[in-house]
Amino acid sequence: MTTSIHASALSIGHDGRRVVGDITFDLLPGELLVLIGTNGSGKSTLLKTLAGMLAPISGEVSILGRQPGAMPSRVAFLPQHPVSSHTLPLRAEHVVEMGRYAHLGLLKRSTQIDREIVAQSMERTGVKEFAARALRDLSGGQQQRTHLAQVLARRAEVLLLDEPTAGLDVNGRQSVADLISQERENGVTVVLATHEISDANSATAVMLLAHRVVAIGPPEEALRDEYLRECFGFTQPH
């Protein structure tokens, strides 16, 4: 089976300043890597590197056999703070439609298939009920669901999700977990950054970050108390 994401001796950072080094892992289609750590630990930096937004400092990294950022229609990134402008009267449905842009031609004319995919994505995330409302008028949780629908509308083979459950209640977090499970069943590879230990329950692998790779492996190995103490400074409840 072809590797979806490959990283070997990868160092990541900003403006030549290393944040985390010696990152090595491989993910196959349908696998889930969960990144756990405090703010500033390197989770977002790794996701942005995989998305092609930051150049690696050293080492090797490839997505679907190509350099990060080379295939925008096949890789979708949900940042921690999406940049959809709150000063524009964008409706939720317009934000979701942006998920199809990487697939459209120069004239950005959507087809019936594009419109059906957008509708399905809104249905799956519960956005349909407020699709016509302005994004700026939505609650934080509703905005998060809208941006998640945009990512799903990409119909990508790799999903890079930075804190997708932020601002969601318990039911909302479970809904996101269900969506990720459904995507994985379709062969989609997922990398998920989170603060929530429970988000790692169904992961193929967990990476604990604290400006270095504290641990990486199956949840039962990576989430041992000594690693959690090193990562967070205390033991998190399971």
Protein backbone atom coordinates (compact mmCIF):
# COMPACT_ATOMS: atom_id res chain seq x y z
CA MET A 1 0.00 0.00 0.00
CA THR A 2 1.32 3.45 -0.94
CA THR A 3 2.29 5.72 1.97
CA SER A 4 0.09 8.81 2.30
CA ILE A 5 2.48 10.84 4.45
CA HIS A 6 6.18 10.24 4.95
CA ALA A 7 8.49 12.15 7.29
CA SER A 8 12.08 11.26 8.08
CA ALA A 9 14.43 13.19 10.39
CA LEU A 10 12.19 16.19 9.74
CA SER A 11 12.91 19.50 11.48
CA ILE A 12 10.21 22.17 11.46
CA GLY A 13 10.04 25.79 12.51
CA HIS A 14 9.63 29.42 11.49
CA ASP A 15 12.10 31.73 9.73
CA GLY A 16 14.89 29.20 10.11
CA ARG A 17 14.29 28.79 13.86
CA ARG A 18 13.67 25.18 14.77
CA VAL A 19 10.59 24.36 16.86
CA VAL A 20 10.71 20.56 16.71
CA GLY A 21 13.32 18.26 15.22
CA ASP A 22 13.84 14.60 14.43
CA ILE A 23 10.24 13.83 13.40
CA THR A 24 9.89 10.46 11.70
CA PHE A 25 6.68 8.64 10.81
CA ASP A 26 4.74 7.06 7.96
CA LEU A 27 0.96 7.02 7.54
CA LEU A 28 -1.03 4.76 5.24
CA PRO A 29 -4.47 5.50 3.72
CA GLY A 30 -7.16 5.40 6.40
CA GLU A 31 -4.78 5.94 9.31
CA LEU A 32 -5.09 8.65 11.98
CA LEU A 33 -2.17 10.43 13.66
CA VAL A 34 -3.17 12.53 16.68
CA LEU A 35 -0.83 15.34 17.76
CA ILE A 36 -1.10 16.26 21.44
CA GLY A 37 0.67 19.05 23.30
CA THR A 38 0.24 22.44 24.90
CA ASN A 39 0.00 25.68 22.93
CA GLY A 40 3.32 26.41 21.22
CA SER A 41 4.49 22.80 21.43
CA GLY A 42 4.79 22.43 17.65
CA LYS A 43 1.43 20.91 16.65
CA SER A 44 0.32 23.75 14.38
CA THR A 45 3.82 24.15 12.97
CA LEU A 46 3.86 20.50 11.92
CA LEU A 47 0.41 20.74 10.32
CA LYS A 48 1.38 23.90 8.42
CA THR A 49 4.54 22.17 7.20
CA LEU A 50 2.51 19.19 5.98
CA ALA A 51 0.10 21.62 4.29
CA GLY A 52 2.97 23.34 2.45
CA MET A 53 2.53 26.64 4.27
CA LEU A 54 5.91 26.40 6.02
CA ALA A 55 9.08 25.06 4.45
CA PRO A 56 10.81 22.30 6.40
CA ILE A 57 14.13 23.31 7.94
CA SER A 58 15.72 19.95 7.21
CA GLY A 59 14.89 16.31 6.64
CA GLU A 60 12.37 14.65 4.35
CA VAL A 61 8.61 15.04 4.07
CA SER A 62 6.17 14.07 1.34
CA ILE A 63 2.39 13.97 0.96
CA LEU A 64 0.97 11.44 -1.49
CA GLY A 65 4.45 11.11 -2.95
CA ARG A 66 4.88 14.82 -3.65
CA GLN A 67 6.21 17.79 -1.73
CA PRO A 68 3.73 19.43 0.67
CA GLY A 69 1.44 21.94 -1.05
CA ALA A 70 1.84 20.40 -4.50
CA MET A 71 -1.67 18.90 -4.69
CA PRO A 72 -4.25 21.26 -3.17
CA SER A 73 -7.20 19.30 -4.56
CA ARG A 74 -6.08 16.14 -2.73
CA VAL A 75 -5.03 17.62 0.63
CA ALA A 76 -7.27 19.76 2.86
CA PHE A 77 -6.12 21.83 5.83
CA LEU A 78 -8.33 23.19 8.60
CA PRO A 79 -6.32 25.82 10.52
CA GLN A 80 -6.91 26.58 14.16
CA HIS A 81 -8.11 30.08 13.25
CA PRO A 82 -9.64 30.03 9.72
CA VAL A 83 -9.23 33.31 7.87
CA SER A 84 -12.70 33.64 6.33
CA SER A 85 -13.29 37.35 6.80
CA HIS A 86 -15.86 38.39 9.39
CA THR A 87 -16.02 41.83 7.77
CA LEU A 88 -17.59 40.45 4.59
CA PRO A 89 -21.24 39.35 4.45
CA LEU A 90 -20.26 35.76 3.68
CA ARG A 91 -23.01 33.26 4.28
CA ALA A 92 -22.16 29.88 5.75
CA GLU A 93 -22.98 28.15 2.47
CA HIS A 94 -20.52 30.44 0.63
CA VAL A 95 -17.75 29.43 3.02
CA VAL A 96 -18.48 25.74 2.41
CA GLU A 97 -18.50 26.34 -1.36
CA MET A 98 -14.89 27.52 -1.09
CA GLY A 99 -13.97 23.92 -0.39
CA ARG A 100 -14.56 23.15 -4.08
CA TYR A 101 -12.34 25.95 -5.44
CA ALA A 102 -9.27 23.71 -5.79
CA HIS A 103 -11.27 21.50 -8.17
CA LEU A 104 -12.75 24.26 -10.34
CA GLY A 105 -11.30 25.77 -13.49
CA LEU A 106 -10.11 29.31 -13.99
CA LEU A 107 -13.66 30.63 -14.28
CA LYS A 108 -14.61 29.01 -10.93
CA ARG A 109 -17.91 27.76 -12.32
CA SER A 110 -19.38 25.05 -10.13
CA THR A 111 -21.15 22.02 -11.58
CA GLN A 112 -24.14 20.11 -10.31
CA ILE A 113 -21.72 17.62 -8.76
CA ASP A 114 -19.95 20.43 -6.90
CA ARG A 115 -23.27 21.73 -5.57
CA GLU A 116 -24.28 18.25 -4.44
CA ILE A 117 -20.97 17.77 -2.62
CA VAL A 118 -21.41 21.12 -0.85
CA ALA A 119 -24.96 20.19 0.19
CA GLN A 120 -23.82 16.79 1.46
CA SER A 121 -20.98 18.36 3.45
CA MET A 122 -23.36 20.82 5.10
CA GLU A 123 -25.77 18.00 5.88
CA ARG A 124 -23.04 15.89 7.49
CA THR A 125 -21.85 18.72 9.73
CA GLY A 126 -25.25 20.16 10.64
CA VAL A 127 -24.59 23.41 8.77
CA LYS A 128 -27.64 23.12 6.51
CA GLU A 129 -29.96 24.60 9.15
CA PHE A 130 -28.07 27.92 9.16
CA ALA A 131 -26.58 27.82 5.64
CA ALA A 132 -28.11 31.18 4.63
CA ARG A 133 -26.92 33.06 7.73
CA ALA A 134 -23.88 35.34 7.71
CA LEU A 135 -20.79 33.65 9.13
CA ARG A 136 -20.13 36.61 11.42
CA ASP A 137 -23.54 36.11 13.05
CA LEU A 138 -22.90 32.48 13.97
CA SER A 139 -21.69 31.14 17.29
CA GLY A 140 -18.12 29.89 17.62
CA GLY A 141 -19.31 26.29 17.44
CA GLN A 142 -21.40 26.96 14.33
CA GLN A 143 -18.47 28.69 12.65
CA GLN A 144 -16.26 25.72 13.47
CA ARG A 145 -18.77 23.32 11.92
CA THR A 146 -18.95 25.55 8.82
CA HIS A 147 -15.20 25.46 8.32
CA LEU A 148 -15.18 21.70 8.88
CA ALA A 149 -17.85 21.36 6.18
CA GLN A 150 -15.61 23.40 3.85
CA VAL A 151 -12.76 20.95 4.44
CA LEU A 152 -15.01 17.94 3.83
CA ALA A 153 -16.26 19.52 0.60
CA ARG A 154 -12.71 19.29 -0.76
CA ARG A 155 -13.15 15.49 -0.93
CA ALA A 156 -9.44 15.20 -0.17
CA GLU A 157 -7.35 12.11 0.39
CA VAL A 158 -5.49 13.70 3.31
CA LEU A 159 -7.10 15.85 6.03
CA LEU A 160 -4.94 18.07 8.26
CA LEU A 161 -7.09 19.28 11.15
CA ASP A 162 -5.90 21.79 13.76
CA GLU A 163 -8.12 21.73 16.86
CA PRO A 164 -11.33 20.86 14.95
CA THR A 165 -13.27 20.33 18.20
CA ALA A 166 -12.40 23.73 19.68
CA GLY A 167 -15.55 25.53 20.78
CA LEU A 168 -17.71 22.40 20.52
CA ASP A 169 -19.61 20.70 23.32
CA VAL A 170 -19.43 16.97 24.08
CA ASN A 171 -21.98 16.13 21.38
CA GLY A 172 -20.15 18.30 18.87
CA ARG A 173 -16.84 16.61 19.64
CA GLN A 174 -18.45 13.21 19.17
CA SER A 175 -19.89 14.33 15.84
CA VAL A 176 -16.41 15.33 14.67
CA ALA A 177 -15.04 11.96 15.82
CA ASP A 178 -17.79 10.21 13.83
CA LEU A 179 -16.98 12.27 10.72
CA ILE A 180 -13.29 11.42 10.99
CA SER A 181 -14.16 7.74 11.37
CA GLN A 182 -16.32 7.89 8.24
CA GLU A 183 -13.56 9.58 6.26
CA ARG A 184 -11.05 6.96 7.38
CA GLU A 185 -13.38 4.19 6.25
CA ASN A 186 -13.16 5.77 2.79
CA GLY A 187 -9.36 5.59 2.89
CA VAL A 188 -8.72 9.20 3.92
CA THR A 189 -5.59 9.78 6.00
CA VAL A 190 -6.05 12.20 8.91
CA VAL A 191 -3.60 14.18 11.06
CA LEU A 192 -5.40 15.82 14.00
CA ALA A 193 -3.99 18.31 16.51
CA THR A 194 -5.79 18.50 19.84
CA HIS A 195 -5.56 19.16 23.56
CA GLU A 196 -8.06 16.41 24.31
CA ILE A 197 -6.61 13.04 25.32
CA SER A 198 -9.94 11.40 24.45
CA ASP A 199 -9.48 12.41 20.79
CA ALA A 200 -6.67 9.84 20.61
CA ASN A 201 -8.77 6.81 21.55
CA SER A 202 -9.19 5.56 17.98
CA ALA A 203 -5.86 6.82 16.63
CA THR A 204 -3.43 4.65 14.71
CA ALA A 205 -0.62 6.60 16.38
CA VAL A 206 -0.23 9.45 18.86
CA MET A 207 2.61 11.98 18.87
CA LEU A 208 3.22 13.91 22.09
CA LEU A 209 4.97 17.21 21.44
CA ALA A 210 6.76 19.63 23.76
CA HIS A 211 9.20 21.40 21.41
CA ARG A 212 10.41 17.88 20.71
CA VAL A 213 8.85 14.49 20.11
CA VAL A 214 8.25 13.21 23.64
CA ALA A 215 6.65 9.99 22.42
CA ILE A 216 5.13 8.50 19.29
CA GLY A 217 3.33 5.21 18.92
CA PRO A 218 -0.02 3.50 19.51
CA PRO A 219 -2.19 5.29 22.12
CA GLU A 220 -1.54 2.70 24.82
CA GLU A 221 2.20 3.31 24.50
CA ALA A 222 2.43 7.04 23.77
CA LEU A 223 -0.07 8.07 26.45
CA ARG A 224 1.77 6.53 29.38
CA ASP A 225 1.79 8.68 32.52
CA GLU A 226 5.50 9.49 32.38
CA TYR A 227 5.16 10.87 28.87
CA LEU A 228 2.06 12.88 29.74
CA ARG A 229 3.83 14.39 32.74
CA GLU A 230 6.73 15.40 30.54
CA CYS A 231 4.37 16.86 27.94
CA PHE A 232 1.91 18.68 30.21
CA GLY A 233 3.69 18.88 33.55
CA PHE A 234 1.02 16.70 35.15
CA THR A 235 -0.86 13.49 34.48
CA GLN A 236 -4.07 13.96 32.52
CA PRO A 237 -7.10 11.85 33.37
CA HIS A 238 -7.85 9.18 30.78
